[in-house]
Amino acid sequence: MTASGIYVYGIVRRSHPLPAGAAGAVGVGEPPAAVRLLPADDLAVVVSAAYPGLRARRRDLMAHQGLLMTLAEAGPVLPMRFGMVAPDEATVLAGVAARHGEHVAALERLDSRVEMNIKITPVQDNLAALIREDPVVRRTREETRRRPGYEASVRLGEAVAAGLRRRAAVAAARLPAEFAGMADEVRPGPDVEGCVLNVSFLVPRREEGRFRGVAERFAADHRDRLELRVTGPLPCYSFVAPEPVPARA
């Protein structure tokens, strides 16, 4: 099959090793394309051939993410998001050269650090506590009992959902200062349906265990109001400039 461009995974230092072993540097595509380093002065771009018909299939998404995570274990990586393809090597190299100093500084800043993400969603039960605490829900419930019907039930459901979100948001606002104390940087993430909080932390690797411990204690202390999910360590997507190499999605 003829390649239709250069698939770009990220930027590393030129001395950065590729994962060892037959399954260590598995790229996207079917069959998986061979991953290689494209030298760019003291940097290198992690690339493979891009073939027509690439889609966001689970296998390819996992290959992209898995390669970046494995690379990050050996040193800092400026990650590209899935599906970024440049027309040729010259375009990739020109883009890296144009922002060379920025890339070097970013790799230094990310060295020995990982991204840890926290998402908080409302707990969907404990209705009795919500009715006691939330006057809006309590009033809507009383109105529904006096005048039952489909529309009244819908209004009550909406009031309960909004009340659960308010309770979770109030609790999420008490997120421990320890998180920020462990992190070099903090970035809010995009809105996620169902979440009252989505935030990422740039955390030294040595602090990962303590970070998880604080998250577990906070979740336990507020388990009647929120569910907290920690995802990480992740490639530091939230802490690099948008798309460090010119490419098209």
C-alpha atoms as a PDB file:
ATOM      1  CA  MET A   1       0.000   0.000   0.000  1.00  0.00           C
ATOM      2  CA  THR A   2       1.329   3.444  -0.899  1.00  0.00           C
ATOM      3  CA  ALA A   3       1.799   5.903   1.975  1.00  0.00           C
ATOM      4  CA  SER A   4      -0.213   9.132   1.793  1.00  0.00           C
ATOM      5  CA  GLY A   5       1.920  11.196   4.164  1.00  0.00           C
ATOM      6  CA  ILE A   6       3.798  11.175   7.441  1.00  0.00           C
ATOM      7  CA  TYR A   7       1.915  10.263  10.599  1.00  0.00           C
ATOM      8  CA  VAL A   8       3.261  12.297  13.533  1.00  0.00           C
ATOM      9  CA  TYR A   9       3.172  11.058  17.138  1.00  0.00           C
ATOM     10  CA  GLY A  10       5.282  13.658  18.923  1.00  0.00           C
ATOM     11  CA  ILE A  11       8.653  15.325  19.470  1.00  0.00           C
ATOM     12  CA  VAL A  12      11.454  14.014  21.687  1.00  0.00           C
ATOM     13  CA  ARG A  13      15.121  14.699  22.225  1.00  0.00           C
ATOM     14  CA  ARG A  14      17.326  13.174  19.553  1.00  0.00           C
ATOM     15  CA  SER A  15      18.877  10.784  22.087  1.00  0.00           C
ATOM     16  CA  HIS A  16      15.462   9.447  23.112  1.00  0.00           C
ATOM     17  CA  PRO A  17      15.254   5.668  22.522  1.00  0.00           C
ATOM     18  CA  LEU A  18      12.391   4.011  20.716  1.00  0.00           C
ATOM     19  CA  PRO A  19      10.648   1.228  22.656  1.00  0.00           C
ATOM     20  CA  ALA A  20      12.553  -2.035  22.326  1.00  0.00           C
ATOM     21  CA  GLY A  21      11.127  -5.338  21.127  1.00  0.00           C
ATOM     22  CA  ALA A  22       8.815  -6.358  18.329  1.00  0.00           C
ATOM     23  CA  ALA A  23       5.740  -4.946  20.081  1.00  0.00           C
ATOM     24  CA  GLY A  24       7.501  -1.952  21.583  1.00  0.00           C
ATOM     25  CA  ALA A  25       7.101   0.569  18.758  1.00  0.00           C
ATOM     26  CA  VAL A  26       3.754  -0.367  17.235  1.00  0.00           C
ATOM     27  CA  GLY A  27       2.246   2.363  15.104  1.00  0.00           C
ATOM     28  CA  VAL A  28      -1.183   3.010  13.677  1.00  0.00           C
ATOM     29  CA  GLY A  29      -2.572   1.310  10.583  1.00  0.00           C
ATOM     30  CA  GLU A  30      -3.368  -2.231   9.520  1.00  0.00           C
ATOM     31  CA  PRO A  31      -0.872  -3.777   9.394  1.00  0.00           C
ATOM     32  CA  PRO A  32       0.833  -1.471  11.920  1.00  0.00           C
ATOM     33  CA  ALA A  33       3.303   0.932  10.326  1.00  0.00           C
ATOM     34  CA  ALA A  34       6.919   0.878  11.488  1.00  0.00           C
ATOM     35  CA  VAL A  35       7.699   3.725  13.886  1.00  0.00           C
ATOM     36  CA  ARG A  36      10.951   5.656  13.495  1.00  0.00           C
ATOM     37  CA  LEU A  37      12.722   8.799  14.648  1.00  0.00           C
ATOM     38  CA  LEU A  38      13.085  11.637  12.164  1.00  0.00           C
ATOM     39  CA  PRO A  39      16.166  13.638  13.329  1.00  0.00           C
ATOM     40  CA  ALA A  40      15.726  17.411  13.576  1.00  0.00           C
ATOM     41  CA  ASP A  41      18.969  18.911  14.909  1.00  0.00           C
ATOM     42  CA  ASP A  42      19.092  17.991  18.631  1.00  0.00           C
ATOM     43  CA  LEU A  43      15.447  16.925  18.507  1.00  0.00           C
ATOM     44  CA  ALA A  44      13.640  14.087  16.759  1.00  0.00           C
ATOM     45  CA  VAL A  45      10.084  13.590  15.576  1.00  0.00           C
ATOM     46  CA  VAL A  46       8.429  10.223  16.173  1.00  0.00           C
ATOM     47  CA  VAL A  47       6.746   9.274  12.912  1.00  0.00           C
ATOM     48  CA  SER A  48       5.513   6.445  10.763  1.00  0.00           C
ATOM     49  CA  ALA A  49       4.029   6.136   7.303  1.00  0.00           C
ATOM     50  CA  ALA A  50       0.407   7.245   7.012  1.00  0.00           C
ATOM     51  CA  TYR A  51      -1.853   5.174   4.787  1.00  0.00           C
ATOM     52  CA  PRO A  52      -5.209   6.092   3.228  1.00  0.00           C
ATOM     53  CA  GLY A  53      -8.314   5.206   5.160  1.00  0.00           C
ATOM     54  CA  LEU A  54      -6.958   5.835   8.658  1.00  0.00           C
ATOM     55  CA  ARG A  55      -9.892   6.100  11.065  1.00  0.00           C
ATOM     56  CA  ALA A  56     -10.287   6.557  14.809  1.00  0.00           C
ATOM     57  CA  ARG A  57     -10.651   2.835  15.441  1.00  0.00           C
ATOM     58  CA  ARG A  58      -9.977   1.528  18.920  1.00  0.00           C
ATOM     59  CA  ARG A  59      -6.878  -0.371  17.820  1.00  0.00           C
ATOM     60  CA  ASP A  60      -5.314   2.742  16.291  1.00  0.00           C
ATOM     61  CA  LEU A  61      -6.290   5.023  19.175  1.00  0.00           C
ATOM     62  CA  MET A  62      -4.726   2.563  21.606  1.00  0.00           C
ATOM     63  CA  ALA A  63      -1.592   2.223  19.473  1.00  0.00           C
ATOM     64  CA  HIS A  64      -1.143   6.011  19.362  1.00  0.00           C
ATOM     65  CA  GLN A  65      -1.726   6.451  23.100  1.00  0.00           C
ATOM     66  CA  GLY A  66       0.300   3.383  24.064  1.00  0.00           C
ATOM     67  CA  LEU A  67       3.327   4.464  22.053  1.00  0.00           C
ATOM     68  CA  LEU A  68       3.312   7.931  23.622  1.00  0.00           C
ATOM     69  CA  MET A  69       2.997   6.490  27.127  1.00  0.00           C
ATOM     70  CA  THR A  70       5.868   4.088  26.517  1.00  0.00           C
ATOM     71  CA  LEU A  71       8.005   6.874  25.086  1.00  0.00           C
ATOM     72  CA  ALA A  72       7.234   9.058  28.110  1.00  0.00           C
ATOM     73  CA  GLU A  73       8.663   6.409  30.434  1.00  0.00           C
ATOM     74  CA  ALA A  74      12.097   7.044  28.913  1.00  0.00           C
ATOM     75  CA  GLY A  75      11.942  10.855  28.903  1.00  0.00           C
ATOM     76  CA  PRO A  76       9.802  13.868  28.042  1.00  0.00           C
ATOM     77  CA  VAL A  77       7.586  13.870  24.949  1.00  0.00           C
ATOM     78  CA  LEU A  78       5.646  16.650  23.232  1.00  0.00           C
ATOM     79  CA  PRO A  79       2.607  14.622  22.156  1.00  0.00           C
ATOM     80  CA  MET A  80       0.475  15.120  19.084  1.00  0.00           C
ATOM     81  CA  ARG A  81      -3.185  14.232  19.199  1.00  0.00           C
ATOM     82  CA  PHE A  82      -4.452  11.233  17.262  1.00  0.00           C
ATOM     83  CA  GLY A  83      -4.726  11.486  13.501  1.00  0.00           C
ATOM     84  CA  MET A  84      -2.190  14.221  12.705  1.00  0.00           C
ATOM     85  CA  VAL A  85      -0.639  13.713   9.268  1.00  0.00           C
ATOM     86  CA  ALA A  86       1.903  15.911   7.469  1.00  0.00           C
ATOM     87  CA  PRO A  87       2.313  15.748   3.687  1.00  0.00           C
ATOM     88  CA  ASP A  88       6.056  14.979   3.794  1.00  0.00           C
ATOM     89  CA  GLU A  89       9.214  14.996   5.915  1.00  0.00           C
ATOM     90  CA  ALA A  90      10.244  18.462   4.724  1.00  0.00           C
ATOM     91  CA  THR A  91       7.043  19.971   6.149  1.00  0.00           C
ATOM     92  CA  VAL A  92       7.612  18.265   9.496  1.00  0.00           C
ATOM     93  CA  LEU A  93      11.243  19.379   9.722  1.00  0.00           C
ATOM     94  CA  ALA A  94      10.431  22.951   8.724  1.00  0.00           C
ATOM     95  CA  GLY A  95       7.780  23.166  11.420  1.00  0.00           C
ATOM     96  CA  VAL A  96      10.122  21.835  14.090  1.00  0.00           C
ATOM     97  CA  ALA A  97      12.881  24.230  13.051  1.00  0.00           C
ATOM     98  CA  ALA A  98      10.523  27.217  13.183  1.00  0.00           C
ATOM     99  CA  ARG A  99       9.764  26.564  16.864  1.00  0.00           C
ATOM    100  CA  HIS A 100      12.976  24.830  17.880  1.00  0.00           C
ATOM    101  CA  GLY A 101      13.663  26.896  20.992  1.00  0.00           C
ATOM    102  CA  GLU A 102      10.075  26.536  22.169  1.00  0.00           C
ATOM    103  CA  HIS A 103      10.230  22.757  21.782  1.00  0.00           C
ATOM    104  CA  VAL A 104      13.531  22.471  23.674  1.00  0.00           C
ATOM    105  CA  ALA A 105      12.170  24.578  26.537  1.00  0.00           C
ATOM    106  CA  ALA A 106       8.956  22.543  26.666  1.00  0.00           C
ATOM    107  CA  LEU A 107      10.837  19.247  26.824  1.00  0.00           C
ATOM    108  CA  GLU A 108      12.918  20.609  29.695  1.00  0.00           C
ATOM    109  CA  ARG A 109       9.761  21.719  31.516  1.00  0.00           C
ATOM    110  CA  LEU A 110       8.108  18.291  31.088  1.00  0.00           C
ATOM    111  CA  ASP A 111      11.151  16.235  32.062  1.00  0.00           C
ATOM    112  CA  SER A 112      10.319  13.708  34.822  1.00  0.00           C
ATOM    113  CA  ARG A 113       6.715  14.901  34.896  1.00  0.00           C
ATOM    114  CA  VAL A 114       3.380  13.382  33.939  1.00  0.00           C
ATOM    115  CA  GLU A 115      -0.152  14.604  33.430  1.00  0.00           C
ATOM    116  CA  MET A 116      -2.711  13.514  36.012  1.00  0.00           C
ATOM    117  CA  ASN A 117      -6.357  14.229  35.218  1.00  0.00           C
ATOM    118  CA  ILE A 118      -9.253  14.469  37.656  1.00  0.00           C
ATOM    119  CA  LYS A 119     -12.892  14.289  36.608  1.00  0.00           C
ATOM    120  CA  ILE A 120     -15.722  14.703  39.097  1.00  0.00           C
ATOM    121  CA  THR A 121     -19.341  13.655  38.479  1.00  0.00           C
ATOM    122  CA  PRO A 122     -22.365  13.832  40.779  1.00  0.00           C
ATOM    123  CA  VAL A 123     -23.435  10.834  42.820  1.00  0.00           C
ATOM    124  CA  GLN A 124     -26.781   9.688  41.411  1.00  0.00           C
ATOM    125  CA  ASP A 125     -28.413   8.450  44.623  1.00  0.00           C
ATOM    126  CA  ASN A 126     -28.918   9.676  48.207  1.00  0.00           C
ATOM    127  CA  LEU A 127     -32.092  11.503  47.200  1.00  0.00           C
ATOM    128  CA  ALA A 128     -33.236  11.862  50.819  1.00  0.00           C
ATOM    129  CA  ALA A 129     -30.176  13.962  51.695  1.00  0.00           C
ATOM    130  CA  LEU A 130     -30.669  16.090  48.592  1.00  0.00           C
ATOM    131  CA  ILE A 131     -34.295  16.825  49.505  1.00  0.00           C
ATOM    132  CA  ARG A 132     -33.267  17.835  53.030  1.00  0.00           C
ATOM    133  CA  GLU A 133     -30.504  20.155  51.823  1.00  0.00           C
ATOM    134  CA  ASP A 134     -31.854  21.663  48.603  1.00  0.00           C
ATOM    135  CA  PRO A 135     -34.913  23.949  48.941  1.00  0.00           C
ATOM    136  CA  VAL A 136     -35.515  23.987  45.167  1.00  0.00           C
ATOM    137  CA  VAL A 137     -35.753  20.193  44.998  1.00  0.00           C
ATOM    138  CA  ARG A 138     -37.862  20.074  48.154  1.00  0.00           C
ATOM    139  CA  ARG A 139     -40.320  22.645  46.807  1.00  0.00           C
ATOM    140  CA  THR A 140     -40.562  20.919  43.404  1.00  0.00           C
ATOM    141  CA  ARG A 141     -41.208  17.569  45.094  1.00  0.00           C
ATOM    142  CA  GLU A 142     -44.011  19.073  47.177  1.00  0.00           C
ATOM    143  CA  GLU A 143     -45.586  20.627  44.063  1.00  0.00           C
ATOM    144  CA  THR A 144     -45.397  17.278  42.280  1.00  0.00           C
ATOM    145  CA  ARG A 145     -47.181  15.554  45.153  1.00  0.00           C
ATOM    146  CA  ARG A 146     -49.944  18.162  45.118  1.00  0.00           C
ATOM    147  CA  ARG A 147     -50.368  18.130  41.342  1.00  0.00           C
ATOM    148  CA  PRO A 148     -48.974  14.876  39.964  1.00  0.00           C
ATOM    149  CA  GLY A 149     -48.603  14.328  36.247  1.00  0.00           C
ATOM    150  CA  TYR A 150     -46.123  13.808  33.443  1.00  0.00           C
ATOM    151  CA  GLU A 151     -44.913  17.419  33.266  1.00  0.00           C
ATOM    152  CA  ALA A 152     -44.601  17.625  37.041  1.00  0.00           C
ATOM    153  CA  SER A 153     -42.513  14.438  37.044  1.00  0.00           C
ATOM    154  CA  VAL A 154     -40.264  15.866  34.333  1.00  0.00           C
ATOM    155  CA  ARG A 155     -39.773  19.069  36.328  1.00  0.00           C
ATOM    156  CA  LEU A 156     -38.933  17.049  39.417  1.00  0.00           C
ATOM    157  CA  GLY A 157     -36.415  14.947  37.497  1.00  0.00           C
ATOM    158  CA  GLU A 158     -34.755  18.062  36.125  1.00  0.00           C
ATOM    159  CA  ALA A 159     -34.664  19.656  39.585  1.00  0.00           C
ATOM    160  CA  VAL A 160     -33.090  16.534  41.084  1.00  0.00           C
ATOM    161  CA  ALA A 161     -30.435  16.362  38.346  1.00  0.00           C
ATOM    162  CA  ALA A 162     -29.599  20.046  38.805  1.00  0.00           C
ATOM    163  CA  GLY A 163     -29.520  19.637  42.578  1.00  0.00           C
ATOM    164  CA  LEU A 164     -27.140  16.685  42.386  1.00  0.00           C
ATOM    165  CA  ARG A 165     -24.850  18.740  40.140  1.00  0.00           C
ATOM    166  CA  ARG A 166     -24.938  21.658  42.585  1.00  0.00           C
ATOM    167  CA  ARG A 167     -24.044  19.397  45.520  1.00  0.00           C
ATOM    168  CA  ALA A 168     -21.169  17.862  43.599  1.00  0.00           C
ATOM    169  CA  ALA A 169     -19.930  21.235  42.352  1.00  0.00           C
ATOM    170  CA  VAL A 170     -19.895  22.695  45.873  1.00  0.00           C
ATOM    171  CA  ALA A 171     -17.891  19.703  47.110  1.00  0.00           C
ATOM    172  CA  ALA A 172     -15.562  19.815  44.087  1.00  0.00           C
ATOM    173  CA  ALA A 173     -14.785  23.440  44.879  1.00  0.00           C
ATOM    174  CA  ARG A 174     -13.120  22.152  48.067  1.00  0.00           C
ATOM    175  CA  LEU A 175     -10.559  20.178  46.043  1.00  0.00           C
ATOM    176  CA  PRO A 176      -7.535  19.927  48.341  1.00  0.00           C
ATOM    177  CA  ALA A 177      -4.838  22.571  47.990  1.00  0.00           C
ATOM    178  CA  GLU A 178      -2.402  19.646  48.207  1.00  0.00           C
ATOM    179  CA  PHE A 179      -3.105  18.884  44.553  1.00  0.00           C
ATOM    180  CA  ALA A 180      -1.861  22.287  43.422  1.00  0.00           C
ATOM    181  CA  GLY A 181       1.007  22.035  45.910  1.00  0.00           C
ATOM    182  CA  MET A 182       2.236  18.848  44.234  1.00  0.00           C
ATOM    183  CA  ALA A 183       1.769  20.160  40.689  1.00  0.00           C
ATOM    184  CA  ASP A 184       4.001  22.476  38.683  1.00  0.00           C
ATOM    185  CA  GLU A 185       1.033  23.585  36.577  1.00  0.00           C
ATOM    186  CA  VAL A 186      -2.744  23.185  36.593  1.00  0.00           C
ATOM    187  CA  ARG A 187      -4.961  23.407  33.513  1.00  0.00           C
ATOM    188  CA  PRO A 188      -8.756  23.228  33.303  1.00  0.00           C
ATOM    189  CA  GLY A 189      -9.945  20.768  30.690  1.00  0.00           C
ATOM    190  CA  PRO A 190     -12.817  21.094  28.224  1.00  0.00           C
ATOM    191  CA  ASP A 191     -16.387  20.639  29.361  1.00  0.00           C
ATOM    192  CA  VAL A 192     -17.312  16.964  29.562  1.00  0.00           C
ATOM    193  CA  GLU A 193     -20.946  15.923  29.634  1.00  0.00           C
ATOM    194  CA  GLY A 194     -21.928  14.863  33.130  1.00  0.00           C
ATOM    195  CA  CYS A 195     -18.817  16.285  34.804  1.00  0.00           C
ATOM    196  CA  VAL A 196     -18.795  19.195  37.216  1.00  0.00           C
ATOM    197  CA  LEU A 197     -14.989  19.369  37.115  1.00  0.00           C
ATOM    198  CA  ASN A 198     -12.340  18.346  34.594  1.00  0.00           C
ATOM    199  CA  VAL A 199      -8.821  19.481  35.453  1.00  0.00           C
ATOM    200  CA  SER A 200      -5.282  18.299  34.709  1.00  0.00           C
ATOM    201  CA  PHE A 201      -2.144  18.611  36.828  1.00  0.00           C
ATOM    202  CA  LEU A 202       1.495  18.514  35.721  1.00  0.00           C
ATOM    203  CA  VAL A 203       2.969  16.336  38.458  1.00  0.00           C
ATOM    204  CA  PRO A 204       6.541  15.162  39.112  1.00  0.00           C
ATOM    205  CA  ARG A 205       6.684  11.393  38.712  1.00  0.00           C
ATOM    206  CA  ARG A 206       7.870  11.027  42.290  1.00  0.00           C
ATOM    207  CA  GLU A 207       4.586  12.590  43.487  1.00  0.00           C
ATOM    208  CA  GLU A 208       2.238  10.281  41.562  1.00  0.00           C
ATOM    209  CA  GLY A 209       1.594   7.962  44.514  1.00  0.00           C
ATOM    210  CA  ARG A 210       0.932  10.837  46.919  1.00  0.00           C
ATOM    211  CA  PHE A 211      -1.359  12.467  44.355  1.00  0.00           C
ATOM    212  CA  ARG A 212      -3.453   9.300  44.120  1.00  0.00           C
ATOM    213  CA  GLY A 213      -3.573   9.030  47.904  1.00  0.00           C
ATOM    214  CA  VAL A 214      -4.932  12.569  48.287  1.00  0.00           C
ATOM    215  CA  ALA A 215      -7.508  11.876  45.552  1.00  0.00           C
ATOM    216  CA  GLU A 216      -8.667   8.678  47.258  1.00  0.00           C
ATOM    217  CA  ARG A 217      -9.069  10.411  50.626  1.00  0.00           C
ATOM    218  CA  PHE A 218     -10.975  13.324  49.107  1.00  0.00           C
ATOM    219  CA  ALA A 219     -13.281  10.945  47.209  1.00  0.00           C
ATOM    220  CA  ALA A 220     -13.926   8.935  50.387  1.00  0.00           C
ATOM    221  CA  ASP A 221     -14.697  12.082  52.397  1.00  0.00           C
ATOM    222  CA  HIS A 222     -17.287  13.205  49.803  1.00  0.00           C
ATOM    223  CA  ARG A 223     -18.604   9.873  48.554  1.00  0.00           C
ATOM    224  CA  ASP A 224     -22.199  10.914  49.308  1.00  0.00           C
ATOM    225  CA  ARG A 225     -21.875  13.847  46.875  1.00  0.00           C
ATOM    226  CA  LEU A 226     -19.415  13.028  44.117  1.00  0.00           C
ATOM    227  CA  GLU A 227     -17.542  10.383  42.219  1.00  0.00           C
ATOM    228  CA  LEU A 228     -13.914  11.186  41.470  1.00  0.00           C
ATOM    229  CA  ARG A 229     -11.891   9.508  38.729  1.00  0.00           C
ATOM    230  CA  VAL A 230      -8.121   9.889  38.411  1.00  0.00           C
ATOM    231  CA  THR A 231      -6.612   9.141  35.008  1.00  0.00           C
ATOM    232  CA  GLY A 232      -2.873   8.990  34.593  1.00  0.00           C
ATOM    233  CA  PRO A 233      -0.041   9.061  34.176  1.00  0.00           C
ATOM    234  CA  LEU A 234      -0.795  10.491  30.736  1.00  0.00           C
ATOM    235  CA  PRO A 235       1.291  12.088  27.994  1.00  0.00           C
ATOM    236  CA  CYS A 236       1.275  15.815  28.774  1.00  0.00           C
ATOM    237  CA  TYR A 237      -1.287  16.881  26.162  1.00  0.00           C
ATOM    238  CA  SER A 238      -2.645  19.704  28.315  1.00  0.00           C
ATOM    239  CA  PHE A 239       0.748  21.306  28.910  1.00  0.00           C
ATOM    240  CA  VAL A 240       2.137  21.759  25.398  1.00  0.00           C
ATOM    241  CA  ALA A 241       1.313  24.351  22.775  1.00  0.00           C
ATOM    242  CA  PRO A 242      -1.356  23.193  20.332  1.00  0.00           C
ATOM    243  CA  GLU A 243       0.067  20.782  17.754  1.00  0.00           C
ATOM    244  CA  PRO A 244       3.836  21.289  17.918  1.00  0.00           C
ATOM    245  CA  VAL A 245       4.245  20.083  14.309  1.00  0.00           C
ATOM    246  CA  PRO A 246       2.273  21.447  11.347  1.00  0.00           C
ATOM    247  CA  ALA A 247      -0.069  18.680  10.292  1.00  0.00           C
ATOM    248  CA  ARG A 248      -3.654  18.095   9.373  1.00  0.00           C
ATOM    249  CA  ALA A 249      -6.180  16.039  11.306  1.00  0.00           C
END
